[in-house]
Structure formats: C-alpha cells, structure tokens
C-alpha cells in the first residue's frame, strides 16, 4: 500500500483527475497514518479513541483528522528529538499559545521540493530579483522561527539579489527599493509578503511618496501573498480592491494569493487567475458539516479539512482547520488546472486569529 513521495514529486502538480489523484493520495496518506501510529504515542492514543483501524481504510476520507488546535496543546512528534532540525511555530497574538511543528531533515526537504513544484508552475523556473515586503529581523532565529519567517525563507528560493522593502521599524525603504527597481529595469521581479503588511506598509506608504512624484513601475512584477484577510475585511478591503489598488499604484497585475498553514508547510493552495484556490496532487481539501463532520455537497459552506502527503516527522497529514469554505468544483476550473478548487470564507466564529497577516494586523 505504501506510496513513495519522491515518485509523487516527479508528477506535474495539477495533472491528475479525480480518480487517479484519490488513488495516489489514499496510498500515501494511509501509509503515513500507519507510520505515525507506530512512531507517535499521542497520535496512536487519538486514533484508538476514534476506534478506527487504519489498515482497514481504503480512502483518506476515512482516516482520522486532528483539530489543528491540538498542536498548541500537546507535543506531536514522530521522530526522536535529536532528529529534529527545526521547530516551526504558528503565528499568534500576544498571550495566545502557538503551534509547535517538529521537522526533520527528510520532511524539510519534501517541504521545499513541493513548494518549488507548486510555485514554479505559476512563476516559471528561473530565479528572479526578489523584493520581500517585510523586515530583515523576522528570520533571525533559524532553529525556531514563526510561520512568517518560515514563509519568507521558503519563498526566498525563487529569488536572487533579495531586498527587504521595510526596515526593522517597518518603514518603507524608498531609496533602497527605487535603486533595486532601477538595477533590474526590464526584468521580471518577484515580490512576496503577507497581505496586511503589503497593504499597511507598502501600498499605503508608497501612495504618500507617489504624491511627491516618486514612480515605481512593477508591471513586470509577480506578487505572491498570503496570511489571512481578517484585518483587511475590518477595513472593508476586498480581494478585488487590493488587486486593483496595487495595479493602479504601480502597474502590478500578476497577483496570486495562497492559502496555507505552518502545520502543513510546503503544501500551499495557490490562487489561480480566476480567484480560485487549487489543491494539487500533494494535498486535498474536504469540506465538512460542523454538526456531524459529514462531507458537504458542492457549493455548501462548511469547515475545511486539509490533507498533505508531506509530513513524516509529525502527524500533520490530516487536519481539521478553524476556517470555513466552499468547494466550487473539481477538474473543471477555467484555468485548466486539474483537482479541486475552492473559496475560503474566513475563520469560524470565536476561533482565534492566527494567520501571519492577521496576527500582525491585530496590533493595528
């Protein structure tokens, strides 16, 4: 039943239709569940409490899922401590507990290779001059860093001649960015950052300098952003207004949001040109009804469950999130990518703020 992950990495990320993808993912996820059952005592106790015999399951739909909040409450680790090369923490506002995710060398390698496959299918394989819409201090502790730092480091592999657009006081480095853009005039520029920070510290500040005659042409740019919309919805900023404002200010029109979480680093859900989040062959999304966790119909709002074929050092392969969403379709998005596509409608009522963008934005 075992499915080798290296073999999965040879496939194109949005190439399999429903039946073949479910077969591939089921093999991998059942194998992972059996592995974690043997190596993580806490996971074993949870599975036993569910009363599920993993060896008798035929599909990942039947596997137990862990509430994502459990990673804040207990240590979930499937490898010896000495094999952990980094511990990642979720974003959290002051006073909140954070998730701790234990990553060994093998899982870290899978995370990076998967991210490369997913993002390069949108941006191309060439490394581009990179503008990071954040400050340098966020990645100072490599051994234990936040989801925000992990995101920056993860996406940095697509860049060269990297420049942080903000200083450690979160002020826009106008001179530095102007010189960077002049240096790379005519080239495709890669921009990465978290949604609220891009709006608060890049767009709003640039608007002030634009009134003073400073012009930046980012029409050759590709922006990838993520980390939640909760704070921008508080300002009544929609996805369409976010995109339109950046295009008007500096000509930026290739803008891709993504949905993801530190508990499943590497397996992100990229937003296509039609505004839909896509599940690749390495992951899937199941929408469940809150009253009994049965599977929702297409177009019915429910709680998002996410599965990832990556994690071997911790049992994070099947998680129930605290987000609501809707499955929009499968294998028939106008963008041509195969697999499920969906929308995210925000946090469940009373769920903690936890996205990188939203937890930072809570200061404002």
Protein backbone atom coordinates (compact mmCIF):
# COMPACT_ATOMS: atom_id res chain seq x y z
CA UNK A 1 0.00 0.00 0.00
CA UNK A 2 2.96 2.35 0.56
CA UNK A 3 3.38 5.27 -1.82
CA UNK A 4 6.86 6.77 -2.24
CA UNK A 5 6.80 10.56 -2.01
CA UNK A 6 9.83 11.01 -4.30
CA UNK A 7 7.80 9.31 -7.06
CA UNK A 8 4.95 11.78 -6.47
CA UNK A 9 7.38 14.68 -6.88
CA UNK A 10 8.07 13.52 -10.46
CA UNK A 11 4.48 14.34 -11.44
CA UNK A 12 3.13 17.73 -12.51
CA UNK A 13 1.23 19.29 -9.57
CA UNK A 14 -2.15 19.85 -11.28
CA UNK A 15 -2.10 16.97 -13.76
CA UNK A 16 -4.29 14.22 -12.24
CA UNK A 17 -8.05 13.89 -12.49
CA UNK A 18 -10.21 12.87 -9.54
CA UNK A 19 -9.98 9.06 -9.64
CA UNK A 20 -6.21 8.82 -10.19
CA UNK A 21 -5.48 11.54 -7.64
CA UNK A 22 -7.64 9.92 -4.95
CA UNK A 23 -5.93 6.57 -5.53
CA UNK A 24 -2.45 8.12 -5.29
CA UNK A 25 -3.25 10.22 -2.20
CA UNK A 26 -5.03 7.37 -0.43
CA UNK A 27 -1.99 5.11 -0.76
CA UNK A 28 0.32 7.80 0.59
CA UNK A 29 -1.93 9.05 3.41
CA UNK A 30 -2.88 5.60 4.70
CA UNK A 31 0.83 4.71 4.70
CA UNK A 32 1.63 7.92 6.62
CA UNK A 33 -1.14 7.20 9.13
CA UNK A 34 0.28 3.74 9.80
CA UNK A 35 3.76 5.21 10.17
CA UNK A 36 2.64 7.87 12.67
CA UNK A 37 0.55 5.30 14.56
CA UNK A 38 3.75 3.31 15.16
CA UNK A 39 6.05 6.24 15.96
CA UNK A 40 3.90 8.83 17.80
CA UNK A 41 2.31 7.58 21.02
CA UNK A 42 -0.06 10.57 21.27
CA UNK A 43 -1.33 10.01 17.72
CA UNK A 44 -1.80 6.30 18.48
CA UNK A 45 -3.99 7.12 21.50
CA UNK A 46 -6.10 9.55 19.43
CA UNK A 47 -6.61 7.02 16.62
CA UNK A 48 -7.53 4.32 19.14
CA UNK A 49 -10.07 6.72 20.69
CA UNK A 50 -11.62 7.20 17.23
CA UNK A 51 -11.97 3.41 17.04
CA UNK A 52 -10.52 3.38 13.53
CA UNK A 53 -8.35 0.53 12.23
CA UNK A 54 -6.08 2.27 9.73
CA UNK A 55 -5.24 -0.98 7.94
CA UNK A 56 -8.92 -1.44 7.05
CA UNK A 57 -9.39 2.01 5.50
CA UNK A 58 -9.50 2.34 1.71
CA UNK A 59 -9.55 6.12 1.28
CA UNK A 60 -8.11 9.17 3.04
CA UNK A 61 -11.71 10.32 3.53
CA UNK A 62 -11.99 7.58 6.19
CA UNK A 63 -8.80 8.47 8.10
CA UNK A 64 -8.98 10.31 11.44
CA UNK A 65 -8.27 14.04 11.31
CA UNK A 66 -6.70 16.08 14.08
CA UNK A 67 -8.08 19.50 15.05
CA UNK A 68 -5.32 21.93 14.13
CA UNK A 69 -5.52 23.40 17.65
CA UNK A 70 -4.05 20.17 19.11
CA UNK A 71 -0.60 21.31 18.02
CA UNK A 72 -0.94 24.11 20.59
CA UNK A 73 -1.99 21.77 23.36
CA UNK A 74 0.43 18.84 23.09
CA UNK A 75 3.71 17.68 21.60
CA UNK A 76 3.02 15.73 18.41
CA UNK A 77 6.29 14.32 17.14
CA UNK A 78 7.03 11.11 15.21
CA UNK A 79 10.85 11.20 15.26
CA UNK A 80 13.40 11.27 18.12
CA UNK A 81 14.21 14.77 19.42
CA UNK A 82 17.78 14.56 18.12
CA UNK A 83 16.48 14.22 14.53
CA UNK A 84 14.51 17.49 14.68
CA UNK A 85 16.38 20.13 12.64
CA UNK A 86 13.88 22.95 13.15
CA UNK A 87 10.80 23.71 15.20
CA UNK A 88 8.30 25.98 13.49
CA UNK A 89 5.71 27.98 15.41
CA UNK A 90 2.38 29.31 14.20
CA UNK A 91 1.54 32.98 14.20
CA UNK A 92 -0.21 34.15 17.35
CA UNK A 93 -1.14 37.40 19.01
CA UNK A 94 0.25 38.24 22.44
CA UNK A 95 -0.92 35.77 25.06
CA UNK A 96 -2.00 33.12 22.56
CA UNK A 97 -0.48 29.68 22.60
CA UNK A 98 1.31 28.78 19.38
CA UNK A 99 1.52 25.51 17.49
CA UNK A 100 4.89 23.77 17.51
CA UNK A 101 5.78 21.73 14.45
CA UNK A 102 8.80 19.41 14.61
CA UNK A 103 10.60 18.96 11.30
CA UNK A 104 13.39 16.52 10.48
CA UNK A 105 15.75 16.78 7.51
CA UNK A 106 13.69 14.49 5.27
CA UNK A 107 10.39 16.33 5.87
CA UNK A 108 12.13 19.71 5.41
CA UNK A 109 13.44 18.51 2.04
CA UNK A 110 9.96 17.39 0.97
CA UNK A 111 8.51 20.76 2.06
CA UNK A 112 10.97 22.69 -0.08
CA UNK A 113 10.72 20.44 -3.14
CA UNK A 114 6.92 20.57 -3.05
CA UNK A 115 6.83 24.36 -2.71
CA UNK A 116 9.16 24.65 -5.71
CA UNK A 117 6.89 22.43 -7.82
CA UNK A 118 3.76 24.38 -6.89
CA UNK A 119 5.05 27.95 -7.20
CA UNK A 120 7.20 27.44 -10.31
CA UNK A 121 4.10 26.18 -12.14
CA UNK A 122 2.80 29.76 -11.73
CA UNK A 123 6.03 31.80 -11.98
CA UNK A 124 8.33 29.70 -14.16
CA UNK A 125 11.55 28.04 -13.03
CA UNK A 126 14.00 30.96 -13.39
CA UNK A 127 15.08 32.75 -10.19
CA UNK A 128 14.06 36.40 -10.21
CA UNK A 129 15.23 39.56 -8.41
CA UNK A 130 13.20 39.45 -5.20
CA UNK A 131 11.53 42.18 -3.18
CA UNK A 132 10.44 40.93 0.26
CA UNK A 133 7.68 43.10 1.74
CA UNK A 134 8.84 42.66 5.32
CA UNK A 135 11.76 43.47 7.63
CA UNK A 136 15.05 41.50 7.97
CA UNK A 137 14.74 40.72 11.69
CA UNK A 138 11.82 38.32 11.20
CA UNK A 139 14.13 35.44 10.20
CA UNK A 140 16.92 35.95 12.75
CA UNK A 141 16.38 32.67 14.67
CA UNK A 142 16.64 29.87 12.09
CA UNK A 143 16.31 27.00 14.60
CA UNK A 144 12.92 28.15 15.86
CA UNK A 145 11.01 30.61 13.74
CA UNK A 146 7.46 31.69 13.16
CA UNK A 147 5.18 30.94 10.24
CA UNK A 148 6.02 34.42 8.95
CA UNK A 149 9.76 33.70 8.95
CA UNK A 150 9.21 30.24 7.51
CA UNK A 151 7.15 31.73 4.69
CA UNK A 152 9.85 34.25 3.80
CA UNK A 153 12.61 31.65 3.87
CA UNK A 154 10.53 29.18 1.88
CA UNK A 155 9.70 31.62 -0.90
CA UNK A 156 13.24 33.06 -0.97
CA UNK A 157 14.39 30.07 -3.03
CA UNK A 158 12.64 31.67 -6.03
CA UNK A 159 14.63 34.90 -5.67
CA UNK A 160 18.07 36.40 -6.21
CA UNK A 161 19.52 39.79 -5.26
CA UNK A 162 16.96 39.89 -2.43
CA UNK A 163 15.94 43.17 -0.84
CA UNK A 164 13.75 43.73 2.22
CA UNK A 165 11.41 46.60 1.34
CA UNK A 166 10.93 47.54 5.04
CA UNK A 167 13.42 48.28 7.80
CA UNK A 168 13.10 46.83 11.32
CA UNK A 169 10.87 49.77 12.30
CA UNK A 170 8.51 48.61 9.50
CA UNK A 171 9.20 51.78 7.49
CA UNK A 172 9.33 51.65 3.70
CA UNK A 173 12.90 51.87 2.33
CA UNK A 174 12.05 54.14 -0.59
CA UNK A 175 15.66 54.78 -1.65
CA UNK A 176 16.57 51.09 -1.46
CA UNK A 177 13.52 49.95 -3.42
CA UNK A 178 13.99 52.69 -6.05
CA UNK A 179 17.63 51.65 -6.58
CA UNK A 180 16.61 47.96 -6.73
CA UNK A 181 13.98 48.64 -9.41
CA UNK A 182 16.39 50.78 -11.41
CA UNK A 183 19.01 47.99 -11.22
CA UNK A 184 16.52 45.44 -12.55
CA UNK A 185 14.69 47.59 -15.07
CA UNK A 186 13.01 45.44 -17.74
CA UNK A 187 13.41 42.22 -15.73
CA UNK A 188 10.65 40.16 -14.16
CA UNK A 189 10.56 40.97 -10.41
CA UNK A 190 9.30 38.56 -7.74
CA UNK A 191 7.53 40.13 -4.75
CA UNK A 192 6.50 38.22 -1.64
CA UNK A 193 4.80 39.30 1.57
CA UNK A 194 1.82 38.94 3.87
CA UNK A 195 -1.43 40.56 2.87
CA UNK A 196 -1.92 43.08 5.68
CA UNK A 197 1.74 44.17 5.67
CA UNK A 198 1.67 44.75 1.93
CA UNK A 199 -1.39 46.94 2.33
CA UNK A 200 -0.35 48.78 5.51
CA UNK A 201 3.39 49.29 4.99
CA UNK A 202 3.91 49.04 1.24
CA UNK A 203 0.81 50.25 -0.59
CA UNK A 204 -0.33 52.95 1.87
CA UNK A 205 3.19 54.31 2.36
CA UNK A 206 4.02 54.24 -1.36
CA UNK A 207 0.84 56.21 -2.06
CA UNK A 208 2.24 59.04 0.09
CA UNK A 209 5.56 59.07 -1.80
CA UNK A 210 3.76 58.81 -5.13
CA UNK A 211 2.06 62.12 -4.36
CA UNK A 212 5.58 63.56 -4.09
CA UNK A 213 6.41 62.38 -7.61
CA UNK A 214 8.12 59.04 -6.90
CA UNK A 215 7.05 56.47 -9.51
CA UNK A 216 7.65 52.71 -9.38
CA UNK A 217 6.90 50.52 -12.39
CA UNK A 218 6.06 46.98 -11.27
CA UNK A 219 4.21 45.94 -14.42
CA UNK A 220 6.79 43.16 -14.84
CA UNK A 221 6.26 42.00 -11.26
CA UNK A 222 4.74 38.82 -9.85
CA UNK A 223 3.35 39.18 -6.32
CA UNK A 224 2.57 36.16 -4.15
CA UNK A 225 0.93 36.96 -0.82
CA UNK A 226 -0.86 35.10 1.97
CA UNK A 227 -1.54 35.08 5.68
CA UNK A 228 -5.22 35.94 6.03
CA UNK A 229 -7.73 38.69 5.21
CA UNK A 230 -9.43 39.22 8.57
CA UNK A 231 -7.81 42.59 9.32
CA UNK A 232 -8.36 43.93 5.79
CA UNK A 233 -12.01 42.92 5.90
CA UNK A 234 -12.14 45.05 9.06
CA UNK A 235 -11.04 47.93 6.83
CA UNK A 236 -13.60 46.85 4.20
CA UNK A 237 -10.85 45.97 1.70
CA UNK A 238 -11.87 43.19 -0.68
CA UNK A 239 -9.56 40.98 -2.73
CA UNK A 240 -10.65 42.89 -5.85
CA UNK A 241 -9.87 46.28 -4.27
CA UNK A 242 -6.50 45.01 -3.04
CA UNK A 243 -5.54 43.91 -6.56
CA UNK A 244 -6.99 47.00 -8.24
CA UNK A 245 -5.22 49.41 -5.87
CA UNK A 246 -1.81 47.82 -6.43
CA UNK A 247 -2.32 47.80 -10.18
CA UNK A 248 -3.26 51.48 -10.18
CA UNK A 249 -0.38 52.47 -7.87
CA UNK A 250 2.50 50.68 -9.59
CA UNK A 251 1.17 48.62 -12.51
CA UNK A 252 1.29 45.32 -10.61
CA UNK A 253 -1.28 42.94 -12.15
CA UNK A 254 0.10 39.41 -11.65
CA UNK A 255 -1.08 38.93 -8.06
CA UNK A 256 -1.60 35.49 -6.51
CA UNK A 257 -2.96 34.84 -3.04
CA UNK A 258 -2.37 31.46 -1.39
CA UNK A 259 -3.98 29.52 1.44
CA UNK A 260 -1.72 27.56 3.76
CA UNK A 261 -0.64 26.98 7.34
CA UNK A 262 2.55 26.22 9.25
CA UNK A 263 1.12 22.83 10.26
CA UNK A 264 1.30 21.80 6.59
CA UNK A 265 4.25 23.85 5.32
CA UNK A 266 5.09 23.22 1.67
CA UNK A 267 1.54 22.19 0.68
CA UNK A 268 0.03 25.54 -0.16
CA UNK A 269 -3.16 26.16 -2.16
CA UNK A 270 -2.34 28.70 -4.86
CA UNK A 271 -4.97 31.07 -6.20
CA UNK A 272 -5.40 30.93 -9.98
CA UNK A 273 -6.21 33.73 -12.40
CA UNK A 274 -9.93 33.20 -11.73
CA UNK A 275 -9.59 33.75 -7.99
CA UNK A 276 -9.94 30.06 -7.02
CA UNK A 277 -7.68 28.23 -4.55
CA UNK A 278 -6.39 24.95 -6.01
CA UNK A 279 -5.49 21.64 -4.37
CA UNK A 280 -2.50 19.98 -6.03
CA UNK A 281 -1.73 16.25 -6.26
CA UNK A 282 0.21 16.63 -2.98
CA UNK A 283 -2.80 17.81 -0.99
CA UNK A 284 -6.56 17.92 -0.88
CA UNK A 285 -9.39 19.77 0.82
CA UNK A 286 -12.59 18.22 2.19
CA UNK A 287 -15.45 20.46 3.37
CA UNK A 288 -17.30 19.05 6.40
CA UNK A 289 -20.54 19.96 8.15
CA UNK A 290 -19.92 21.32 11.68
CA UNK A 291 -22.79 19.38 13.30
CA UNK A 292 -21.62 15.85 12.41
CA UNK A 293 -18.47 16.23 10.22
CA UNK A 294 -20.18 14.60 7.24
CA UNK A 295 -18.92 15.71 3.82
CA UNK A 296 -20.63 18.79 2.36
CA UNK A 297 -22.13 18.93 -1.09
CA UNK A 298 -20.50 21.05 -3.79
CA UNK A 299 -21.30 24.70 -3.06
CA UNK A 300 -22.25 24.07 0.60
CA UNK A 301 -20.32 26.01 3.25
CA UNK A 302 -18.55 24.02 5.94
CA UNK A 303 -15.31 23.53 7.90
CA UNK A 304 -12.19 22.93 5.82
CA UNK A 305 -10.25 19.72 6.36
CA UNK A 306 -6.84 19.68 4.67
CA UNK A 307 -4.63 16.69 3.89
CA UNK A 308 -0.95 16.78 2.94
CA UNK A 309 1.24 13.97 1.63
CA UNK A 310 4.40 15.57 3.11
CA UNK A 311 4.75 15.27 6.91
CA UNK A 312 6.79 12.31 8.14
CA UNK A 313 8.27 13.83 11.33
CA UNK A 314 4.90 14.80 12.87
CA UNK A 315 1.29 13.64 12.32
CA UNK A 316 0.07 16.71 10.44
CA UNK A 317 -1.11 14.91 7.31
CA UNK A 318 -4.87 15.17 8.01
CA UNK A 319 -6.11 18.25 9.87
CA UNK A 320 -9.40 19.93 10.63
CA UNK A 321 -8.84 23.68 10.33
CA UNK A 322 -10.73 26.52 12.01
CA UNK A 323 -11.67 28.01 8.63
CA UNK A 324 -14.93 27.95 6.70
CA UNK A 325 -15.05 27.49 2.97
CA UNK A 326 -16.90 26.15 -0.05
CA UNK A 327 -15.88 23.57 -2.65
CA UNK A 328 -16.52 25.23 -6.01
CA UNK A 329 -15.64 22.42 -8.41
CA UNK A 330 -13.23 19.67 -9.40
CA UNK A 331 -11.22 19.14 -12.60
CA UNK A 332 -13.14 21.87 -14.46
CA UNK A 333 -11.70 25.26 -13.45
CA UNK A 334 -11.46 27.61 -16.46
CA UNK A 335 -7.71 27.99 -15.73
CA UNK A 336 -7.19 24.39 -16.89
CA UNK A 337 -5.66 23.02 -13.69
CA UNK A 338 -6.98 19.64 -12.55
CA UNK A 339 -8.08 18.92 -8.98
CA UNK A 340 -10.48 20.57 -6.52
CA UNK A 341 -10.83 24.34 -6.34
CA UNK A 342 -12.47 26.22 -3.51
CA UNK A 343 -13.01 29.52 -1.72
CA UNK A 344 -12.20 30.43 1.89
CA UNK A 345 -14.86 32.41 3.78
CA UNK A 346 -12.86 33.21 6.92
CA UNK A 347 -12.46 31.95 10.46
CA UNK A 348 -15.08 30.02 12.35
CA UNK A 349 -16.92 32.20 14.86
CA UNK A 350 -14.88 32.51 18.10
CA UNK A 351 -11.78 30.89 16.53
CA UNK A 352 -8.53 32.63 17.41
CA UNK A 353 -6.83 34.98 14.96
CA UNK A 354 -3.86 33.02 13.68
CA UNK A 355 -2.83 33.92 10.10
CA UNK A 356 0.57 35.64 9.72
CA UNK A 357 -1.08 38.71 8.26
CA UNK A 358 -3.94 38.78 10.74
CA UNK A 359 -1.93 38.27 13.95
CA UNK A 360 0.45 41.05 12.95
CA UNK A 361 -2.50 43.22 11.91
CA UNK A 362 -4.10 42.78 15.34
CA UNK A 363 -1.57 45.38 16.59
CA UNK A 364 -3.38 47.93 14.44
